[in-house]
Amino acid sequence: MVTDSRRGPDRGDGTFLNPVLPGDRPDPSVLRVGDAFYLTYSSFDASPGLTVWRSPDLVNWTFVTCALAEPHSTVFAPDLVEHDGRYFIYFPYIPSAWSEEIAAPEVWVVHADSPEGPWSEPVFTGISGAIDPGHIVGEDGERYLFVNGVRRCRLSPDGLRAVTPLEQVYDGWRYPDEWITEAYALEGPKLFRRGDWFYLVSAVGGTGGPATGHMVIVARSRSVHGPWENAPHNPVARTWSVDEAWWSRGHATLVDRGDDSWWMVSHGYENGYRTLGRQALLEPIVWTEDGWPEAPSRDLGAPIRKPVDGASPVSVPAPSDDFATAAWGERWVFDNPARDELGRAGLDGGLVLRGKGRGPADSSPLTTWSMDRAYEVEVELEVRDGSAGGLLLYFDDRLFYGMGWDGEAMQSYAGGVRTHWREPAEPGTTIEFRLRNDHHIVTGWHRRPGDEWTRHGVRYDTSGAHSATINDLKSLRPALFASGDGEVSFRGFRYRALDEVAA
């Protein structure tokens, strides 16, 4: 059996289960605005980028908008903040193979009168050679930006440019050398004030290596200028054992619910399912008598009491699409896009996608989120004027699986290359594809519309399609591709979670 969407995190009895936002949502940044919370996260090589979500309770999340219409390089860890009634998202652009303007990591910013947009065009802050910005207003009323390292500069009053050079201000907390981590990697600084203290929350240990590597550490100071004192019980959170439900927990934001009850939003890989990427996790924070935050939940696999009682459960909907209206950012993003990538797509009785490249690897496919351990996707496609199109499970341009069609013959893809397998099919412009990912074992089917399904002759094991294998911080996602000189029309895309997981 299958269901149309994944079970929501809200269990309806005052408790929730992680993840609170399923699918690949790395480096989450959270901001409270009155009684609501807003969240954004790294969008990497996706266009549009910096999706923004809203929640009444930190558990049930609804898509709002995208803050970045056309990224011109890879987008890493953002910081969503408010200052004097205006909203800012600080984020780094990282050089990528498809960008032409970014030669070194640079910190940029977008701004808006509301977290729901519209957001400005991106502005370069003047900060180069840095990632992972974190904003704070000091006791002197000045605005500061902290970056990986941890270094700091002062910002202009409007928050749009750096007015001092970066300077080293904090060297982190050192974990025991025998701990199994990827690298020290002091990054992801997030800052807030509570009482007379400034708190600096950082990540160390590396985000993509061993399951026990990533962790959350805390330091504090009476002044934004330091000195910074490390928490006596660091790390605040970590995956201590590979037996835990969530791996590589880290890159956290601490947020006040408004009544001095505090919560931590971080990311982590689901044990055994790194292919899903880093999903958004929520856990409570308690404060010691001497003013240090602690995370008492050792393993985030068990039910946890919700921050707010009474909110109606909301499931993140499955990305099924009849292509009647555009759903850019909410359901679909381009991978490795050009600046005008959205111009390739239109809606005309379905999704019409102009071809690009010679195959999946250089086609900038449209991808959507996989949110379940087991699911299936299917779509009907029609090729036109020398084009080819297909349905994939796509990690990046070096690693993908699936089927393509050019009107004459079927192409099979595995491990990021076209395989020697030749699947027989009668020529014609229209075909339907189905891919089922059943706990990493992928099976394909094809048929003419209205006919019986024919199973593809080869199955694939995708359990290794994750960041630790290919050194790319992405996830394995359903994708549609169009290549060649013509167009491909896609109709009736369906995503269904297998009932074993979703019920």
Protein backbone atom coordinates (compact mmCIF):
# COMPACT_ATOMS: atom_id res chain seq x y z
CA MET A 1 0.00 0.00 0.00
CA VAL A 2 1.01 3.62 -0.53
CA THR A 3 -0.13 6.98 0.81
CA ASP A 4 0.04 10.41 -0.80
CA SER A 5 2.10 12.15 1.88
CA ARG A 6 4.37 11.41 4.75
CA ARG A 7 2.94 11.32 8.26
CA GLY A 8 3.46 14.70 9.88
CA PRO A 9 5.73 15.10 12.92
CA ASP A 10 2.81 16.18 15.15
CA ARG A 11 1.38 13.00 16.70
CA GLY A 12 -1.83 14.76 17.81
CA ASP A 13 -1.36 13.87 21.48
CA GLY A 14 0.86 16.76 22.56
CA THR A 15 4.06 15.11 21.33
CA PHE A 16 6.04 15.06 18.09
CA LEU A 17 8.59 12.89 16.33
CA ASN A 18 11.64 14.14 14.48
CA PRO A 19 12.21 15.26 11.82
CA VAL A 20 9.96 18.31 12.09
CA LEU A 21 10.75 19.19 8.47
CA PRO A 22 11.47 16.02 6.47
CA GLY A 23 13.73 15.93 3.46
CA ASP A 24 17.03 17.69 2.90
CA ARG A 25 16.93 20.91 5.03
CA PRO A 26 20.57 21.51 6.00
CA ASP A 27 21.92 24.28 8.24
CA PRO A 28 18.53 25.55 9.47
CA SER A 29 18.20 29.11 10.77
CA VAL A 30 15.08 29.98 12.78
CA LEU A 31 13.57 33.32 13.82
CA ARG A 32 10.60 34.03 16.09
CA VAL A 33 8.32 36.85 14.93
CA GLY A 34 5.57 37.42 17.48
CA ASP A 35 3.75 34.11 17.87
CA ALA A 36 5.12 32.63 14.64
CA PHE A 37 8.45 31.09 13.67
CA TYR A 38 10.23 31.32 10.33
CA LEU A 39 12.91 28.98 9.02
CA THR A 40 15.29 28.88 6.07
CA TYR A 41 18.22 26.64 5.22
CA SER A 42 21.06 26.01 2.76
CA SER A 43 19.86 25.63 -0.82
CA PHE A 44 23.25 24.79 -2.41
CA ASP A 45 22.98 24.42 -6.22
CA ALA A 46 19.22 25.04 -6.36
CA SER A 47 17.18 27.68 -8.14
CA PRO A 48 15.11 29.25 -6.74
CA GLY A 49 16.96 29.21 -3.41
CA LEU A 50 16.58 30.03 0.30
CA THR A 51 13.08 28.64 0.80
CA VAL A 52 11.24 30.19 3.77
CA TRP A 53 8.81 28.23 5.98
CA ARG A 54 6.42 29.36 8.74
CA SER A 55 5.24 27.52 11.87
CA PRO A 56 3.03 28.33 14.88
CA ASP A 57 4.84 25.87 17.14
CA LEU A 58 8.23 24.82 15.65
CA VAL A 59 6.70 21.44 14.74
CA ASN A 60 4.19 22.07 11.94
CA TRP A 61 5.74 23.92 9.00
CA THR A 62 4.17 25.50 5.90
CA PHE A 63 6.01 26.78 2.83
CA VAL A 64 5.91 30.58 2.39
CA THR A 65 8.25 31.78 -0.33
CA CYS A 66 11.75 31.71 -1.78
CA ALA A 67 14.05 34.58 -0.85
CA LEU A 68 16.51 34.05 -3.70
CA ALA A 69 15.03 33.89 -7.18
CA GLU A 70 18.20 33.29 -9.19
CA PRO A 71 21.33 32.26 -7.28
CA HIS A 72 24.50 32.88 -9.26
CA SER A 73 26.60 30.42 -7.26
CA THR A 74 26.24 27.75 -4.56
CA VAL A 75 24.39 28.94 -1.44
CA PHE A 76 25.61 27.73 1.97
CA ALA A 77 24.46 28.20 5.56
CA PRO A 78 22.23 31.30 6.01
CA ASP A 79 21.21 33.38 9.03
CA LEU A 80 17.64 34.74 9.17
CA VAL A 81 17.44 37.77 11.49
CA GLU A 82 15.38 40.87 12.32
CA HIS A 83 16.66 44.37 13.13
CA ASP A 84 14.51 47.45 13.74
CA GLY A 85 11.51 45.87 12.05
CA ARG A 86 13.40 44.81 8.94
CA TYR A 87 14.38 41.26 8.00
CA PHE A 88 17.70 40.03 6.65
CA ILE A 89 19.08 36.73 5.40
CA TYR A 90 22.88 36.64 5.39
CA PHE A 91 24.36 33.81 3.35
CA PRO A 92 27.59 32.81 1.58
CA TYR A 93 28.02 32.23 -2.11
CA ILE A 94 30.58 29.49 -2.78
CA PRO A 95 32.37 29.15 -6.12
CA SER A 96 30.76 26.45 -8.26
CA ALA A 97 31.50 24.87 -11.60
CA TRP A 98 28.59 26.69 -13.24
CA SER A 99 29.15 30.18 -11.75
CA GLU A 100 31.30 32.81 -13.41
CA GLU A 101 31.25 35.71 -10.95
CA ILE A 102 32.33 34.15 -7.64
CA ALA A 103 36.04 33.35 -7.34
CA ALA A 104 36.18 32.89 -3.54
CA PRO A 105 33.52 32.46 -0.84
CA GLU A 106 31.62 35.72 -0.38
CA VAL A 107 28.96 36.80 2.13
CA TRP A 108 25.82 38.35 0.62
CA VAL A 109 22.51 39.53 2.07
CA VAL A 110 18.87 39.93 1.04
CA HIS A 111 16.38 42.06 2.99
CA ALA A 112 12.62 42.58 3.26
CA ASP A 113 9.90 44.34 5.25
CA SER A 114 8.38 40.96 6.12
CA PRO A 115 9.87 37.46 6.42
CA GLU A 116 7.24 36.44 3.87
CA GLY A 117 8.81 38.81 1.32
CA PRO A 118 9.12 40.15 -1.21
CA TRP A 119 12.88 39.91 -0.74
CA SER A 120 15.41 42.23 -2.32
CA GLU A 121 18.01 41.38 -4.91
CA PRO A 122 21.16 40.02 -3.23
CA VAL A 123 23.71 42.58 -2.02
CA PHE A 124 27.43 41.82 -1.59
CA THR A 125 28.57 42.77 1.93
CA GLY A 126 32.21 43.08 0.90
CA ILE A 127 33.21 40.04 2.99
CA SER A 128 35.35 37.52 1.08
CA GLY A 129 37.00 34.28 2.17
CA ALA A 130 34.29 33.41 4.70
CA ILE A 131 31.17 31.26 5.08
CA ASP A 132 28.40 30.70 7.65
CA PRO A 133 27.50 34.28 8.71
CA GLY A 134 25.84 34.95 12.07
CA HIS A 135 24.37 38.39 12.95
CA ILE A 136 24.17 40.08 16.36
CA VAL A 137 23.70 43.58 17.78
CA GLY A 138 26.28 44.41 20.44
CA GLU A 139 25.83 46.19 23.75
CA ASP A 140 27.15 49.26 21.93
CA GLY A 141 24.20 49.20 19.52
CA GLU A 142 26.43 48.34 16.56
CA ARG A 143 25.69 45.46 14.20
CA TYR A 144 28.24 42.66 13.84
CA LEU A 145 28.64 39.62 11.61
CA PHE A 146 30.48 36.52 12.82
CA VAL A 147 31.75 33.94 10.31
CA ASN A 148 33.51 30.59 10.35
CA GLY A 149 36.75 30.47 12.15
CA VAL A 150 35.35 32.27 14.29
CA ARG A 151 35.99 35.78 12.96
CA ARG A 152 33.99 38.97 13.20
CA CYS A 153 33.48 42.33 11.50
CA ARG A 154 31.26 45.35 12.14
CA LEU A 155 28.47 46.14 9.71
CA SER A 156 27.09 49.43 8.48
CA PRO A 157 23.89 50.64 10.27
CA ASP A 158 21.76 49.35 7.39
CA GLY A 159 23.42 45.91 7.71
CA LEU A 160 24.36 45.71 4.04
CA ARG A 161 28.14 46.06 4.10
CA ALA A 162 31.14 45.35 6.29
CA VAL A 163 32.91 48.47 7.59
CA THR A 164 35.83 46.74 9.36
CA PRO A 165 38.05 43.81 8.34
CA LEU A 166 37.45 40.34 9.72
CA GLU A 167 39.33 39.67 12.96
CA GLN A 168 39.79 36.48 14.94
CA VAL A 169 37.62 36.55 18.09
CA TYR A 170 37.05 32.93 19.19
CA ASP A 171 39.09 29.73 18.78
CA GLY A 172 36.38 27.26 19.74
CA TRP A 173 36.26 24.35 22.16
CA ARG A 174 38.53 21.34 21.60
CA TYR A 175 37.04 17.88 21.89
CA PRO A 176 39.21 14.89 22.87
CA ASP A 177 41.48 13.72 20.07
CA GLU A 178 40.22 10.14 20.31
CA TRP A 179 36.67 11.15 19.31
CA ILE A 180 35.77 9.97 15.80
CA THR A 181 35.12 13.09 13.71
CA GLU A 182 35.64 14.30 10.14
CA ALA A 183 37.64 17.48 10.89
CA TYR A 184 37.67 20.22 13.50
CA ALA A 185 35.84 22.71 11.18
CA LEU A 186 34.74 25.51 13.53
CA GLU A 187 31.73 26.92 11.68
CA GLY A 188 28.07 27.93 11.77
CA PRO A 189 28.22 30.67 14.45
CA LYS A 190 24.75 31.71 15.66
CA LEU A 191 24.42 34.39 18.35
CA PHE A 192 21.73 35.61 20.73
CA ARG A 193 21.35 37.52 24.00
CA ARG A 194 19.76 36.24 27.20
CA GLY A 195 19.90 38.44 30.25
CA ASP A 196 23.34 40.00 30.58
CA TRP A 197 25.04 37.38 28.42
CA PHE A 198 25.84 37.00 24.74
CA TYR A 199 25.79 33.36 23.64
CA LEU A 200 27.77 32.00 20.69
CA VAL A 201 26.56 28.64 19.33
CA SER A 202 28.92 26.91 16.86
CA ALA A 203 29.46 23.60 15.11
CA VAL A 204 32.64 21.54 15.14
CA GLY A 205 33.60 18.04 14.03
CA GLY A 206 32.59 18.22 10.36
CA THR A 207 29.14 17.74 8.87
CA GLY A 208 29.64 15.07 6.22
CA GLY A 209 31.99 12.48 7.71
CA PRO A 210 31.58 9.86 10.47
CA ALA A 211 28.19 9.67 12.15
CA THR A 212 29.67 10.83 15.48
CA GLY A 213 31.54 13.80 14.00
CA HIS A 214 29.26 16.82 13.97
CA MET A 215 28.36 18.53 17.29
CA VAL A 216 27.04 21.72 18.87
CA ILE A 217 29.18 23.80 21.24
CA VAL A 218 28.40 26.96 23.20
CA ALA A 219 30.42 29.86 24.56
CA ARG A 220 29.32 33.09 26.27
CA SER A 221 30.55 36.57 27.08
CA ARG A 222 29.32 39.72 28.82
CA SER A 223 30.32 41.65 25.70
CA VAL A 224 30.10 41.10 21.97
CA HIS A 225 33.84 41.85 22.02
CA GLY A 226 34.59 38.89 24.30
CA PRO A 227 36.40 37.24 25.90
CA TRP A 228 34.39 34.10 25.20
CA GLU A 229 34.08 31.42 27.88
CA ASN A 230 33.32 27.85 26.79
CA ALA A 231 30.45 25.96 28.37
CA PRO A 232 31.70 23.53 31.04
CA HIS A 233 29.55 20.72 29.61
CA ASN A 234 30.36 21.09 25.88
CA PRO A 235 29.25 19.70 23.52
CA VAL A 236 25.62 20.67 24.07
CA ALA A 237 24.51 18.11 21.49
CA ARG A 238 26.20 15.32 19.58
CA THR A 239 25.60 11.88 18.11
CA TRP A 240 27.47 9.76 20.66
CA SER A 241 26.83 6.35 19.09
CA VAL A 242 26.06 4.97 15.64
CA ASP A 243 23.13 3.18 17.29
CA GLU A 244 21.24 6.48 17.71
CA ALA A 245 18.35 7.43 15.44
CA TRP A 246 20.02 10.60 14.12
CA TRP A 247 23.59 10.99 12.94
CA SER A 248 25.84 14.05 12.56
CA ARG A 249 23.66 16.30 14.69
CA GLY A 250 24.83 19.86 14.50
CA HIS A 251 24.66 23.36 13.05
CA ALA A 252 22.05 24.60 15.51
CA THR A 253 19.93 27.67 16.19
CA LEU A 254 18.60 28.26 19.71
CA VAL A 255 15.26 30.09 19.79
CA ASP A 256 13.09 31.49 22.61
CA ARG A 257 9.42 30.56 22.38
CA GLY A 258 8.54 33.93 23.94
CA ASP A 259 8.11 32.79 27.55
CA ASP A 260 11.78 32.00 28.23
CA SER A 261 11.32 28.38 27.23
CA TRP A 262 13.97 27.56 24.69
CA TRP A 263 14.31 25.11 21.83
CA MET A 264 17.09 24.05 19.51
CA VAL A 265 16.69 23.42 15.78
CA SER A 266 19.54 21.53 14.13
CA HIS A 267 20.08 19.09 11.29
CA GLY A 268 21.00 15.42 11.15
CA TYR A 269 21.09 12.33 8.95
CA GLU A 270 18.55 9.59 9.60
CA ASN A 271 20.33 6.42 10.72
CA GLY A 272 20.73 4.21 7.66
CA TYR A 273 19.19 6.81 5.33
CA ARG A 274 21.83 9.41 4.61
CA THR A 275 20.42 9.45 1.09
CA LEU A 276 17.59 11.68 2.41
CA GLY A 277 20.10 14.39 3.35
CA ARG A 278 20.24 16.41 6.54
CA GLN A 279 16.75 16.78 7.97
CA ALA A 280 15.50 19.43 10.43
CA LEU A 281 15.46 18.31 14.08
CA LEU A 282 13.89 19.92 17.15
CA GLU A 283 14.70 19.40 20.82
CA PRO A 284 14.12 21.24 24.12
CA ILE A 285 16.75 23.33 25.87
CA VAL A 286 16.99 23.73 29.65
CA TRP A 287 19.07 26.31 31.52
CA THR A 288 21.38 25.56 34.41
CA GLU A 289 21.30 27.69 37.54
CA ASP A 290 24.50 29.42 36.43
CA GLY A 291 23.07 30.30 33.01
CA TRP A 292 24.24 27.64 30.56
CA PRO A 293 21.99 25.93 27.96
CA GLU A 294 21.75 22.15 27.99
CA ALA A 295 19.98 19.72 25.65
CA PRO A 296 18.63 16.87 27.81
CA SER A 297 17.40 14.66 24.94
CA ARG A 298 20.23 12.20 24.41
CA ASP A 299 18.67 10.48 21.39
CA LEU A 300 16.08 12.26 19.23
CA GLY A 301 14.32 9.11 18.03
CA ALA A 302 11.67 9.06 20.78
CA PRO A 303 8.50 11.20 21.08
CA ILE A 304 9.10 14.67 22.60
CA ARG A 305 6.58 17.01 24.26
CA LYS A 306 5.60 19.81 21.85
CA PRO A 307 6.60 23.43 22.53
CA VAL A 308 3.00 24.66 22.06
CA ASP A 309 -0.20 22.77 22.86
CA GLY A 310 -3.28 22.89 20.68
CA ALA A 311 -1.83 23.59 17.20
CA SER A 312 -3.46 21.61 14.37
CA PRO A 313 -1.15 18.97 12.91
CA VAL A 314 0.13 19.80 9.42
CA SER A 315 1.89 17.29 7.21
CA VAL A 316 4.50 18.51 4.77
CA PRO A 317 2.65 17.60 1.56
CA ALA A 318 4.04 15.14 -0.91
CA PRO A 319 5.45 16.89 -3.97
CA SER A 320 2.86 15.43 -6.35
CA ASP A 321 2.01 17.95 -9.09
CA ASP A 322 -0.55 18.22 -11.88
CA PHE A 323 1.35 21.26 -13.19
CA ALA A 324 -1.78 23.43 -13.23
CA THR A 325 0.06 26.20 -11.36
CA ALA A 326 3.72 26.93 -10.72
CA ALA A 327 5.28 25.52 -7.54
CA TRP A 328 8.86 26.75 -7.84
CA GLY A 329 10.76 26.37 -4.59
CA GLU A 330 7.89 24.63 -2.81
CA ARG A 331 8.05 21.49 -4.97
CA TRP A 332 10.64 22.04 -7.70
CA VAL A 333 14.13 23.50 -7.95
CA PHE A 334 16.70 23.38 -10.74
CA ASP A 335 20.04 21.77 -9.97
CA ASN A 336 23.21 23.50 -11.27
CA PRO A 337 21.17 26.29 -12.86
CA ALA A 338 22.14 29.12 -15.15
CA ARG A 339 20.95 32.58 -14.14
CA ASP A 340 17.90 32.37 -16.42
CA GLU A 341 17.12 28.68 -15.86
CA LEU A 342 13.46 29.30 -15.03
CA GLY A 343 13.01 30.58 -18.57
CA ARG A 344 13.30 26.96 -19.79
CA ALA A 345 10.04 26.00 -18.06
CA GLY A 346 6.42 26.77 -18.84
CA LEU A 347 2.96 25.44 -18.04
CA ASP A 348 0.79 24.41 -21.00
CA GLY A 349 -1.34 21.38 -20.28
CA GLY A 350 1.56 20.14 -18.18
CA LEU A 351 5.12 21.18 -17.47
CA VAL A 352 6.94 22.04 -20.70
CA LEU A 353 10.70 21.97 -20.26
CA ARG A 354 13.08 23.07 -22.99
CA GLY A 355 15.99 20.69 -23.51
CA LYS A 356 19.49 21.43 -22.27
CA GLY A 357 22.71 19.46 -22.61
CA ARG A 358 23.19 15.95 -23.93
CA GLY A 359 21.84 13.95 -21.00
CA PRO A 360 21.00 14.09 -17.27
CA ALA A 361 24.47 15.24 -16.14
CA ASP A 362 24.45 18.57 -17.99
CA SER A 363 20.69 19.14 -18.24
CA SER A 364 20.14 21.08 -14.97
CA PRO A 365 17.25 18.76 -14.04
CA LEU A 366 14.27 19.80 -11.97
CA THR A 367 14.44 18.06 -8.59
CA THR A 368 12.03 17.68 -5.71
CA TRP A 369 12.39 16.43 -2.15
CA SER A 370 12.31 12.80 -1.07
CA MET A 371 10.94 12.62 2.47
CA ASP A 372 10.53 8.92 3.15
CA ARG A 373 12.57 5.78 3.57
CA ALA A 374 10.42 4.14 0.91
CA TYR A 375 8.43 5.83 -1.84
CA GLU A 376 7.59 5.73 -5.50
CA VAL A 377 7.28 8.38 -8.19
CA GLU A 378 5.78 8.31 -11.66
CA VAL A 379 5.19 10.72 -14.54
CA GLU A 380 4.00 10.80 -18.13
CA LEU A 381 6.28 12.52 -20.64
CA GLU A 382 6.09 13.49 -24.29
CA VAL A 383 9.22 14.25 -26.30
CA ARG A 384 9.21 16.80 -29.12
CA ASP A 385 11.58 17.94 -31.88
CA GLY A 386 14.71 15.93 -31.13
CA SER A 387 14.53 16.05 -27.36
CA ALA A 388 14.97 13.37 -24.71
CA GLY A 389 13.43 13.32 -21.26
CA GLY A 390 13.21 11.10 -18.26
CA LEU A 391 12.59 10.32 -14.63
CA LEU A 392 15.53 10.00 -12.24
CA LEU A 393 16.62 9.60 -8.68
CA TYR A 394 19.29 12.28 -8.80
CA PHE A 395 22.04 13.08 -6.31
CA ASP A 396 24.22 15.35 -8.42
CA ASP A 397 25.64 15.53 -11.93
CA ARG A 398 27.99 12.64 -11.11
CA LEU A 399 25.48 10.26 -9.49
CA PHE A 400 21.94 9.42 -10.66
CA TYR A 401 19.68 6.49 -11.54
CA GLY A 402 16.65 6.13 -13.78
CA MET A 403 15.29 6.03 -17.30
CA GLY A 404 15.17 8.33 -20.32
CA TRP A 405 13.25 8.35 -23.61
CA ASP A 406 13.91 10.00 -26.99
CA GLY A 407 10.92 8.66 -28.94
CA GLU A 408 12.87 5.80 -30.43
CA ALA A 409 14.70 3.99 -27.62
CA MET A 410 14.98 3.93 -23.87
CA GLN A 411 18.15 4.95 -22.03
CA SER A 412 19.02 3.45 -18.64
CA TYR A 413 21.15 5.27 -16.08
CA ALA A 414 22.93 4.02 -12.96
CA GLY A 415 25.84 5.35 -10.94
CA GLY A 416 25.79 8.60 -12.92
CA VAL A 417 26.39 7.01 -16.34
CA ARG A 418 24.35 5.53 -19.14
CA THR A 419 24.40 1.77 -18.80
CA HIS A 420 24.69 -0.90 -21.46
CA TRP A 421 21.21 -2.19 -20.64
CA ARG A 422 18.79 -1.79 -23.57
CA GLU A 423 15.19 -1.89 -22.41
CA PRO A 424 12.85 -2.78 -25.29
CA ALA A 425 9.99 -0.37 -26.01
CA GLU A 426 7.97 0.52 -29.11
CA PRO A 427 8.81 3.89 -30.67
CA GLY A 428 6.45 6.78 -29.92
CA THR A 429 6.46 10.27 -28.50
CA THR A 430 4.69 9.51 -25.19
CA ILE A 431 5.67 7.16 -22.38
CA GLU A 432 5.10 6.78 -18.64
CA PHE A 433 7.83 5.99 -16.13
CA ARG A 434 7.68 4.80 -12.54
CA LEU A 435 10.53 4.47 -10.03
CA ARG A 436 10.11 2.79 -6.66
CA ASN A 437 12.76 3.33 -3.99
CA ASP A 438 12.01 0.60 -1.44
CA HIS A 439 14.55 1.17 1.34
CA HIS A 440 17.35 1.88 -1.18
CA ILE A 441 16.39 -0.83 -3.69
CA VAL A 442 15.17 0.94 -6.82
CA THR A 443 12.90 -0.71 -9.38
CA GLY A 444 11.67 0.91 -12.60
CA TRP A 445 8.63 0.41 -14.83
CA HIS A 446 7.48 1.85 -18.14
CA ARG A 447 4.33 1.73 -20.26
CA ARG A 448 2.35 3.40 -22.98
CA PRO A 449 -0.52 5.44 -21.46
CA GLY A 450 -3.37 3.04 -20.63
CA ASP A 451 -1.29 -0.12 -21.05
CA GLU A 452 0.00 -2.46 -18.37
CA TRP A 453 3.28 -1.59 -16.62
CA THR A 454 6.43 -3.42 -17.78
CA ARG A 455 9.16 -3.79 -15.18
CA HIS A 456 12.62 -2.57 -16.10
CA GLY A 457 15.05 -5.48 -16.31
CA VAL A 458 17.58 -4.11 -13.80
CA ARG A 459 17.26 -3.08 -10.15
CA TYR A 460 19.68 -0.72 -8.40
CA ASP A 461 20.97 -0.45 -4.84
CA THR A 462 21.21 3.27 -3.98
CA SER A 463 22.23 2.92 -0.33
CA GLY A 464 25.61 4.50 -1.08
CA ALA A 465 24.21 7.60 -2.80
CA HIS A 466 25.07 10.09 -0.07
CA SER A 467 27.59 12.72 0.99
CA ALA A 468 30.07 10.35 2.63
CA THR A 469 30.40 8.47 -0.68
CA ILE A 470 30.73 11.30 -3.17
CA ASN A 471 31.82 14.27 -1.02
CA ASP A 472 28.89 16.49 -1.98
CA LEU A 473 26.44 17.70 0.68
CA LYS A 474 23.26 16.86 -1.21
CA SER A 475 20.54 14.21 -1.15
CA LEU A 476 19.04 11.64 -3.51
CA ARG A 477 15.93 13.24 -5.03
CA PRO A 478 13.28 12.50 -7.64
CA ALA A 479 14.04 14.53 -10.77
CA LEU A 480 12.77 15.31 -14.25
CA PHE A 481 15.24 16.02 -17.03
CA ALA A 482 14.97 17.32 -20.59
CA SER A 483 17.96 17.29 -22.94
CA GLY A 484 18.58 17.93 -26.61
CA ASP A 485 17.24 20.65 -28.90
CA GLY A 486 13.48 20.30 -28.45
CA GLU A 487 11.00 20.28 -25.58
CA VAL A 488 9.62 17.67 -23.20
CA SER A 489 6.13 17.88 -21.75
CA PHE A 490 5.59 16.27 -18.34
CA ARG A 491 2.13 15.44 -16.98
CA GLY A 492 0.75 13.94 -13.78
CA PHE A 493 3.79 13.69 -11.51
CA ARG A 494 2.96 11.57 -8.45
CA TYR A 495 4.98 10.95 -5.27
CA ARG A 496 3.65 8.29 -2.90
CA ALA A 497 5.15 7.21 0.38
CA LEU A 498 5.06 3.49 1.01
CA ASP A 499 2.54 2.76 3.76
CA GLU A 500 5.03 0.89 5.91
CA VAL A 501 6.81 4.17 6.65
CA ALA A 502 4.10 6.77 6.28
CA ALA A 503 1.31 5.25 8.39
